[in-house]
Amino acid sequence: MPSLSGAGRLVVMATELPQAWLAELNDLVALVADLDGRAAVLSGMAYAGYRRTEVDDGDLVDMLELAEAARLWALDESERDLE
């Protein structure tokens, strides 16, 4: 399953995901600054790619899971900054 590593580096098992989407996912500074907004953008891009048939069902699921994992990672990073 795709996930974010503890060091903040993205680990993606599927390489067929759209490069523009991966670039947005890898913008960790923006993700921490606006975690809910960026997660919404990632989800929106995933659904748009699916509607354009650029990604299949499995890729869509992976992209949505990654968007949520990224949001949770950013939330954890934000909470660490407050400590």
PDB file of N, CA and C in Angstrom:
ATOM      1  N   MET A   1       0.842  -1.183   0.000  1.00  0.00           N
ATOM      2  CA  MET A   1       0.000   0.000   0.000  1.00  0.00           C
ATOM      3  C   MET A   1       0.882   1.239   0.000  1.00  0.00           C
ATOM      4  N   PRO A   2       0.555   2.271  -0.749  1.00  0.00           N
ATOM      5  CA  PRO A   2       1.342   3.489  -0.762  1.00  0.00           C
ATOM      6  C   PRO A   2       1.248   4.203   0.575  1.00  0.00           C
ATOM      7  N   SER A   3       2.349   4.844   0.954  1.00  0.00           N
ATOM      8  CA  SER A   3       2.338   5.543   2.231  1.00  0.00           C
ATOM      9  C   SER A   3       3.407   6.613   2.257  1.00  0.00           C
ATOM     10  N   LEU A   4       3.337   7.441   3.279  1.00  0.00           N
ATOM     11  CA  LEU A   4       4.379   8.420   3.535  1.00  0.00           C
ATOM     12  C   LEU A   4       5.306   7.846   4.590  1.00  0.00           C
ATOM     13  N   SER A   5       6.588   7.953   4.369  1.00  0.00           N
ATOM     14  CA  SER A   5       7.541   7.440   5.345  1.00  0.00           C
ATOM     15  C   SER A   5       7.653   8.413   6.508  1.00  0.00           C
ATOM     16  N   GLY A   6       8.241   7.966   7.591  1.00  0.00           N
ATOM     17  CA  GLY A   6       8.395   8.806   8.770  1.00  0.00           C
ATOM     18  C   GLY A   6       9.253  10.023   8.526  1.00  0.00           C
ATOM     19  N   ALA A   7      10.158   9.942   7.555  1.00  0.00           N
ATOM     20  CA  ALA A   7      11.050  11.060   7.263  1.00  0.00           C
ATOM     21  C   ALA A   7      10.398  12.094   6.350  1.00  0.00           C
ATOM     22  N   GLY A   8       9.135  11.890   5.988  1.00  0.00           N
ATOM     23  CA  GLY A   8       8.458  12.849   5.139  1.00  0.00           C
ATOM     24  C   GLY A   8       8.697  12.612   3.660  1.00  0.00           C
ATOM     25  N   ARG A   9       9.381  11.553   3.319  1.00  0.00           N
ATOM     26  CA  ARG A   9       9.594  11.204   1.921  1.00  0.00           C
ATOM     27  C   ARG A   9       8.450  10.329   1.459  1.00  0.00           C
ATOM     28  N   LEU A  10       8.008  10.578   0.277  1.00  0.00           N
ATOM     29  CA  LEU A  10       6.897   9.831  -0.284  1.00  0.00           C
ATOM     30  C   LEU A  10       7.377   8.486  -0.800  1.00  0.00           C
ATOM     31  N   VAL A  11       6.641   7.445  -0.463  1.00  0.00           N
ATOM     32  CA  VAL A  11       6.923   6.113  -0.982  1.00  0.00           C
ATOM     33  C   VAL A  11       5.696   5.677  -1.770  1.00  0.00           C
ATOM     34  N   VAL A  12       5.813   5.577  -3.082  1.00  0.00           N
ATOM     35  CA  VAL A  12       4.695   5.195  -3.938  1.00  0.00           C
ATOM     36  C   VAL A  12       5.071   3.926  -4.680  1.00  0.00           C
ATOM     37  N   MET A  13       4.247   2.905  -4.533  1.00  0.00           N
ATOM     38  CA  MET A  13       4.514   1.635  -5.192  1.00  0.00           C
ATOM     39  C   MET A  13       4.088   1.670  -6.662  1.00  0.00           C
ATOM     40  N   ALA A  14       3.030   2.373  -6.979  1.00  0.00           N
ATOM     41  CA  ALA A  14       2.543   2.440  -8.355  1.00  0.00           C
ATOM     42  C   ALA A  14       3.230   3.600  -9.073  1.00  0.00           C
ATOM     43  N   THR A  15       3.820   3.326 -10.214  1.00  0.00           N
ATOM     44  CA  THR A  15       4.513   4.377 -10.950  1.00  0.00           C
ATOM     45  C   THR A  15       3.668   4.949 -12.078  1.00  0.00           C
ATOM     46  N   GLU A  16       2.463   4.425 -12.285  1.00  0.00           N
ATOM     47  CA  GLU A  16       1.620   4.874 -13.376  1.00  0.00           C
ATOM     48  C   GLU A  16       0.733   6.058 -12.985  1.00  0.00           C
ATOM     49  N   LEU A  17       0.868   6.552 -11.800  1.00  0.00           N
ATOM     50  CA  LEU A  17       0.042   7.679 -11.368  1.00  0.00           C
ATOM     51  C   LEU A  17       0.469   8.933 -12.113  1.00  0.00           C
ATOM     52  N   PRO A  18      -0.462   9.831 -12.394  1.00  0.00           N
ATOM     53  CA  PRO A  18      -0.140  11.049 -13.140  1.00  0.00           C
ATOM     54  C   PRO A  18       0.952  11.871 -12.442  1.00  0.00           C
ATOM     55  N   GLN A  19       1.909  12.315 -13.227  1.00  0.00           N
ATOM     56  CA  GLN A  19       3.038  13.071 -12.690  1.00  0.00           C
ATOM     57  C   GLN A  19       2.602  14.385 -12.040  1.00  0.00           C
ATOM     58  N   ALA A  20       1.609  15.062 -12.605  1.00  0.00           N
ATOM     59  CA  ALA A  20       1.133  16.318 -12.009  1.00  0.00           C
ATOM     60  C   ALA A  20       0.547  16.057 -10.625  1.00  0.00           C
ATOM     61  N   TRP A  21      -0.158  14.952 -10.483  1.00  0.00           N
ATOM     62  CA  TRP A  21      -0.739  14.603  -9.189  1.00  0.00           C
ATOM     63  C   TRP A  21       0.358  14.268  -8.186  1.00  0.00           C
ATOM     64  N   LEU A  22       1.356  13.516  -8.625  1.00  0.00           N
ATOM     65  CA  LEU A  22       2.475  13.178  -7.746  1.00  0.00           C
ATOM     66  C   LEU A  22       3.238  14.432  -7.314  1.00  0.00           C
ATOM     67  N   ALA A  23       3.379  15.388  -8.217  1.00  0.00           N
ATOM     68  CA  ALA A  23       4.054  16.642  -7.868  1.00  0.00           C
ATOM     69  C   ALA A  23       3.289  17.372  -6.771  1.00  0.00           C
ATOM     70  N   GLU A  24       1.969  17.404  -6.876  1.00  0.00           N
ATOM     71  CA  GLU A  24       1.149  18.027  -5.821  1.00  0.00           C
ATOM     72  C   GLU A  24       1.289  17.271  -4.510  1.00  0.00           C
ATOM     73  N   LEU A  25       1.299  15.961  -4.588  1.00  0.00           N
ATOM     74  CA  LEU A  25       1.439  15.135  -3.389  1.00  0.00           C
ATOM     75  C   LEU A  25       2.783  15.379  -2.713  1.00  0.00           C
ATOM     76  N   ASN A  26       3.822  15.593  -3.494  1.00  0.00           N
ATOM     77  CA  ASN A  26       5.165  15.783  -2.955  1.00  0.00           C
ATOM     78  C   ASN A  26       5.427  17.201  -2.467  1.00  0.00           C
ATOM     79  N   ASP A  27       4.489  18.112  -2.626  1.00  0.00           N
ATOM     80  CA  ASP A  27       4.660  19.477  -2.117  1.00  0.00           C
ATOM     81  C   ASP A  27       4.300  19.468  -0.631  1.00  0.00           C
ATOM     82  N   LEU A  28       5.220  18.959   0.169  1.00  0.00           N
ATOM     83  CA  LEU A  28       4.953  18.747   1.590  1.00  0.00           C
ATOM     84  C   LEU A  28       4.804  20.053   2.359  1.00  0.00           C
ATOM     85  N   VAL A  29       5.485  21.097   1.929  1.00  0.00           N
ATOM     86  CA  VAL A  29       5.361  22.395   2.604  1.00  0.00           C
ATOM     87  C   VAL A  29       3.931  22.912   2.465  1.00  0.00           C
ATOM     88  N   ALA A  30       3.393  22.858   1.254  1.00  0.00           N
ATOM     89  CA  ALA A  30       2.007  23.303   1.031  1.00  0.00           C
ATOM     90  C   ALA A  30       1.031  22.412   1.778  1.00  0.00           C
ATOM     91  N   LEU A  31       1.334  21.132   1.834  1.00  0.00           N
ATOM     92  CA  LEU A  31       0.456  20.187   2.524  1.00  0.00           C
ATOM     93  C   LEU A  31       0.361  20.512   4.015  1.00  0.00           C
ATOM     94  N   VAL A  32       1.484  20.809   4.637  1.00  0.00           N
ATOM     95  CA  VAL A  32       1.467  21.147   6.062  1.00  0.00           C
ATOM     96  C   VAL A  32       0.780  22.494   6.284  1.00  0.00           C
ATOM     97  N   ALA A  33       0.978  23.429   5.367  1.00  0.00           N
ATOM     98  CA  ALA A  33       0.390  24.762   5.514  1.00  0.00           C
ATOM     99  C   ALA A  33      -1.134  24.743   5.399  1.00  0.00           C
ATOM    100  N   ASP A  34      -1.684  23.840   4.569  1.00  0.00           N
ATOM    101  CA  ASP A  34      -3.132  23.785   4.354  1.00  0.00           C
ATOM    102  C   ASP A  34      -3.537  22.334   4.122  1.00  0.00           C
ATOM    103  N   LEU A  35      -3.479  21.537   5.176  1.00  0.00           N
ATOM    104  CA  LEU A  35      -3.654  20.092   5.022  1.00  0.00           C
ATOM    105  C   LEU A  35      -5.011  19.702   4.461  1.00  0.00           C
ATOM    106  N   ASP A  36      -6.085  20.302   4.910  1.00  0.00           N
ATOM    107  CA  ASP A  36      -7.405  19.940   4.394  1.00  0.00           C
ATOM    108  C   ASP A  36      -7.598  20.432   2.960  1.00  0.00           C
ATOM    109  N   GLY A  37      -7.136  21.628   2.678  1.00  0.00           N
ATOM    110  CA  GLY A  37      -7.255  22.169   1.328  1.00  0.00           C
ATOM    111  C   GLY A  37      -6.457  21.372   0.320  1.00  0.00           C
ATOM    112  N   ARG A  38      -5.233  21.028   0.671  1.00  0.00           N
ATOM    113  CA  ARG A  38      -4.388  20.257  -0.240  1.00  0.00           C
ATOM    114  C   ARG A  38      -4.947  18.852  -0.434  1.00  0.00           C
ATOM    115  N   ALA A  39      -5.461  18.243   0.626  1.00  0.00           N
ATOM    116  CA  ALA A  39      -6.062  16.909   0.498  1.00  0.00           C
ATOM    117  C   ALA A  39      -7.268  16.967  -0.430  1.00  0.00           C
ATOM    118  N   ALA A  40      -8.044  18.042  -0.344  1.00  0.00           N
ATOM    119  CA  ALA A  40      -9.197  18.209  -1.234  1.00  0.00           C
ATOM    120  C   ALA A  40      -8.739  18.365  -2.685  1.00  0.00           C
ATOM    121  N   VAL A  41      -7.676  19.121  -2.898  1.00  0.00           N
ATOM    122  CA  VAL A  41      -7.135  19.284  -4.256  1.00  0.00           C
ATOM    123  C   VAL A  41      -6.670  17.937  -4.800  1.00  0.00           C
ATOM    124  N   LEU A  42      -5.945  17.174  -3.986  1.00  0.00           N
ATOM    125  CA  LEU A  42      -5.462  15.856  -4.416  1.00  0.00           C
ATOM    126  C   LEU A  42      -6.623  14.929  -4.764  1.00  0.00           C
ATOM    127  N   SER A  43      -7.649  14.925  -3.937  1.00  0.00           N
ATOM    128  CA  SER A  43      -8.820  14.086  -4.214  1.00  0.00           C
ATOM    129  C   SER A  43      -9.526  14.541  -5.488  1.00  0.00           C
ATOM    130  N   GLY A  44      -9.680  15.838  -5.649  1.00  0.00           N
ATOM    131  CA  GLY A  44     -10.313  16.375  -6.849  1.00  0.00           C
ATOM    132  C   GLY A  44      -9.539  16.021  -8.108  1.00  0.00           C
ATOM    133  N   MET A  45      -8.220  16.116  -8.035  1.00  0.00           N
ATOM    134  CA  MET A  45      -7.391  15.747  -9.183  1.00  0.00           C
ATOM    135  C   MET A  45      -7.511  14.252  -9.489  1.00  0.00           C
ATOM    136  N   ALA A  46      -7.602  13.436  -8.447  1.00  0.00           N
ATOM    137  CA  ALA A  46      -7.740  11.990  -8.631  1.00  0.00           C
ATOM    138  C   ALA A  46      -9.049  11.675  -9.351  1.00  0.00           C
ATOM    139  N   TYR A  47     -10.150  12.256  -8.895  1.00  0.00           N
ATOM    140  CA  TYR A  47     -11.442  12.012  -9.540  1.00  0.00           C
ATOM    141  C   TYR A  47     -11.459  12.551 -10.973  1.00  0.00           C
ATOM    142  N   ALA A  48     -10.817  13.686 -11.200  1.00  0.00           N
ATOM    143  CA  ALA A  48     -10.763  14.239 -12.555  1.00  0.00           C
ATOM    144  C   ALA A  48      -9.989  13.304 -13.479  1.00  0.00           C
ATOM    145  N   GLY A  49      -8.886  12.769 -13.002  1.00  0.00           N
ATOM    146  CA  GLY A  49      -8.119  11.812 -13.799  1.00  0.00           C
ATOM    147  C   GLY A  49      -8.920  10.564 -14.102  1.00  0.00           C
ATOM    148  N   TYR A  50      -9.714  10.131 -13.141  1.00  0.00           N
ATOM    149  CA  TYR A  50     -10.570   8.963 -13.353  1.00  0.00           C
ATOM    150  C   TYR A  50     -11.645   9.252 -14.400  1.00  0.00           C
ATOM    151  N   ARG A  51     -12.270  10.432 -14.307  1.00  0.00           N
ATOM    152  CA  ARG A  51     -13.308  10.794 -15.289  1.00  0.00           C
ATOM    153  C   ARG A  51     -12.732  10.897 -16.705  1.00  0.00           C
ATOM    154  N   ARG A  52     -11.466  11.327 -16.797  1.00  0.00           N
ATOM    155  CA  ARG A  52     -10.809  11.424 -18.110  1.00  0.00           C
ATOM    156  C   ARG A  52     -10.203  10.089 -18.542  1.00  0.00           C
ATOM    157  N   THR A  53     -10.412   9.053 -17.750  1.00  0.00           N
ATOM    158  CA  THR A  53      -9.882   7.695 -17.964  1.00  0.00           C
ATOM    159  C   THR A  53      -8.354   7.659 -18.021  1.00  0.00           C
ATOM    160  N   GLU A  54      -7.705   8.596 -17.325  1.00  0.00           N
ATOM    161  CA  GLU A  54      -6.244   8.580 -17.212  1.00  0.00           C
ATOM    162  C   GLU A  54      -5.791   7.592 -16.141  1.00  0.00           C
ATOM    163  N   VAL A  55      -6.678   7.286 -15.208  1.00  0.00           N
ATOM    164  CA  VAL A  55      -6.386   6.301 -14.163  1.00  0.00           C
ATOM    165  C   VAL A  55      -7.544   5.319 -14.081  1.00  0.00           C
ATOM    166  N   ASP A  56      -7.223   4.098 -13.669  1.00  0.00           N
ATOM    167  CA  ASP A  56      -8.270   3.087 -13.543  1.00  0.00           C
ATOM    168  C   ASP A  56      -8.783   3.040 -12.104  1.00  0.00           C
ATOM    169  N   ASP A  57      -9.682   2.108 -11.840  1.00  0.00           N
ATOM    170  CA  ASP A  57     -10.285   1.989 -10.506  1.00  0.00           C
ATOM    171  C   ASP A  57      -9.233   1.818  -9.417  1.00  0.00           C
ATOM    172  N   GLY A  58      -8.277   0.935  -9.659  1.00  0.00           N
ATOM    173  CA  GLY A  58      -7.242   0.661  -8.656  1.00  0.00           C
ATOM    174  C   GLY A  58      -6.372   1.871  -8.382  1.00  0.00           C
ATOM    175  N   ASP A  59      -5.999   2.590  -9.452  1.00  0.00           N
ATOM    176  CA  ASP A  59      -5.198   3.799  -9.269  1.00  0.00           C
ATOM    177  C   ASP A  59      -5.972   4.865  -8.506  1.00  0.00           C
ATOM    178  N   LEU A  60      -7.266   4.989  -8.800  1.00  0.00           N
ATOM    179  CA  LEU A  60      -8.096   5.962  -8.085  1.00  0.00           C
ATOM    180  C   LEU A  60      -8.103   5.656  -6.593  1.00  0.00           C
ATOM    181  N   VAL A  61      -8.286   4.401  -6.254  1.00  0.00           N
ATOM    182  CA  VAL A  61      -8.279   4.009  -4.844  1.00  0.00           C
ATOM    183  C   VAL A  61      -6.928   4.341  -4.212  1.00  0.00           C
ATOM    184  N   ASP A  62      -5.830   4.009  -4.897  1.00  0.00           N
ATOM    185  CA  ASP A  62      -4.501   4.318  -4.370  1.00  0.00           C
ATOM    186  C   ASP A  62      -4.323   5.820  -4.171  1.00  0.00           C
ATOM    187  N   MET A  63      -4.769   6.610  -5.134  1.00  0.00           N
ATOM    188  CA  MET A  63      -4.616   8.060  -5.050  1.00  0.00           C
ATOM    189  C   MET A  63      -5.417   8.634  -3.883  1.00  0.00           C
ATOM    190  N   LEU A  64      -6.636   8.139  -3.697  1.00  0.00           N
ATOM    191  CA  LEU A  64      -7.451   8.634  -2.581  1.00  0.00           C
ATOM    192  C   LEU A  64      -6.859   8.215  -1.236  1.00  0.00           C
ATOM    193  N   GLU A  65      -6.336   6.994  -1.167  1.00  0.00           N
ATOM    194  CA  GLU A  65      -5.683   6.552   0.069  1.00  0.00           C
ATOM    195  C   GLU A  65      -4.434   7.377   0.348  1.00  0.00           C
ATOM    196  N   LEU A  66      -3.673   7.667  -0.688  1.00  0.00           N
ATOM    197  CA  LEU A  66      -2.482   8.501  -0.514  1.00  0.00           C
ATOM    198  C   LEU A  66      -2.842   9.916  -0.078  1.00  0.00           C
ATOM    199  N   ALA A  67      -3.905  10.466  -0.639  1.00  0.00           N
ATOM    200  CA  ALA A  67      -4.346  11.809  -0.249  1.00  0.00           C
ATOM    201  C   ALA A  67      -4.701  11.833   1.234  1.00  0.00           C
ATOM    202  N   GLU A  68      -5.391  10.807   1.705  1.00  0.00           N
ATOM    203  CA  GLU A  68      -5.747  10.749   3.130  1.00  0.00           C
ATOM    204  C   GLU A  68      -4.511  10.507   3.992  1.00  0.00           C
ATOM    205  N   ALA A  69      -3.616   9.640   3.550  1.00  0.00           N
ATOM    206  CA  ALA A  69      -2.375   9.398   4.299  1.00  0.00           C
ATOM    207  C   ALA A  69      -1.554  10.679   4.378  1.00  0.00           C
ATOM    208  N   ALA A  70      -1.512  11.435   3.293  1.00  0.00           N
ATOM    209  CA  ALA A  70      -0.782  12.701   3.282  1.00  0.00           C
ATOM    210  C   ALA A  70      -1.422  13.696   4.244  1.00  0.00           C
ATOM    211  N   ARG A  71      -2.750  13.741   4.267  1.00  0.00           N
ATOM    212  CA  ARG A  71      -3.444  14.649   5.193  1.00  0.00           C
ATOM    213  C   ARG A  71      -3.128  14.289   6.640  1.00  0.00           C
ATOM    214  N   LEU A  72      -3.155  13.011   6.945  1.00  0.00           N
ATOM    215  CA  LEU A  72      -2.844  12.572   8.311  1.00  0.00           C
ATOM    216  C   LEU A  72      -1.393  12.844   8.665  1.00  0.00           C
ATOM    217  N   TRP A  73      -0.491  12.646   7.708  1.00  0.00           N
ATOM    218  CA  TRP A  73       0.923  12.958   7.940  1.00  0.00           C
ATOM    219  C   TRP A  73       1.081  14.449   8.234  1.00  0.00           C
ATOM    220  N   ALA A  74       0.426  15.300   7.444  1.00  0.00           N
ATOM    221  CA  ALA A  74       0.519  16.745   7.633  1.00  0.00           C
ATOM    222  C   ALA A  74      -0.072  17.156   8.981  1.00  0.00           C
ATOM    223  N   LEU A  75      -1.152  16.522   9.396  1.00  0.00           N
ATOM    224  CA  LEU A  75      -1.741  16.802  10.703  1.00  0.00           C
ATOM    225  C   LEU A  75      -0.746  16.475  11.810  1.00  0.00           C
ATOM    226  N   ASP A  76      -0.090  15.333  11.702  1.00  0.00           N
ATOM    227  CA  ASP A  76       0.920  14.935  12.681  1.00  0.00           C
ATOM    228  C   ASP A  76       2.078  15.934  12.705  1.00  0.00           C
ATOM    229  N   GLU A  77       2.529  16.359  11.526  1.00  0.00           N
ATOM    230  CA  GLU A  77       3.605  17.348  11.447  1.00  0.00           C
ATOM    231  C   GLU A  77       3.185  18.671  12.078  1.00  0.00           C
ATOM    232  N   SER A  78       1.954  19.083  11.837  1.00  0.00           N
ATOM    233  CA  SER A  78       1.452  20.329  12.415  1.00  0.00           C
ATOM    234  C   SER A  78       1.408  20.262  13.930  1.00  0.00           C
ATOM    235  N   GLU A  79       0.981  19.129  14.436  1.00  0.00           N
ATOM    236  CA  GLU A  79       0.914  18.952  15.897  1.00  0.00           C
ATOM    237  C   GLU A  79       2.312  18.931  16.507  1.00  0.00           C
ATOM    238  N   ARG A  80       3.274  18.353  15.821  1.00  0.00           N
ATOM    239  CA  ARG A  80       4.661  18.360  16.299  1.00  0.00           C
ATOM    240  C   ARG A  80       5.210  19.761  16.372  1.00  0.00           C
ATOM    241  N   ASP A  81       4.853  20.597  15.391  1.00  0.00           N
ATOM    242  CA  ASP A  81       5.322  21.975  15.384  1.00  0.00           C
ATOM    243  C   ASP A  81       4.790  22.762  16.577  1.00  0.00           C
ATOM    244  N   LEU A  82       3.644  22.365  17.098  1.00  0.00           N
ATOM    245  CA  LEU A  82       3.043  23.068  18.234  1.00  0.00           C
ATOM    246  C   LEU A  82       3.683  22.678  19.567  1.00  0.00           C
ATOM    247  N   GLU A  83       4.368  21.560  19.580  1.00  0.00           N
ATOM    248  CA  GLU A  83       4.966  21.085  20.842  1.00  0.00           C
ATOM    249  C   GLU A  83       6.227  21.834  21.192  1.00  0.00           C
TER     250      GLU A  83
END
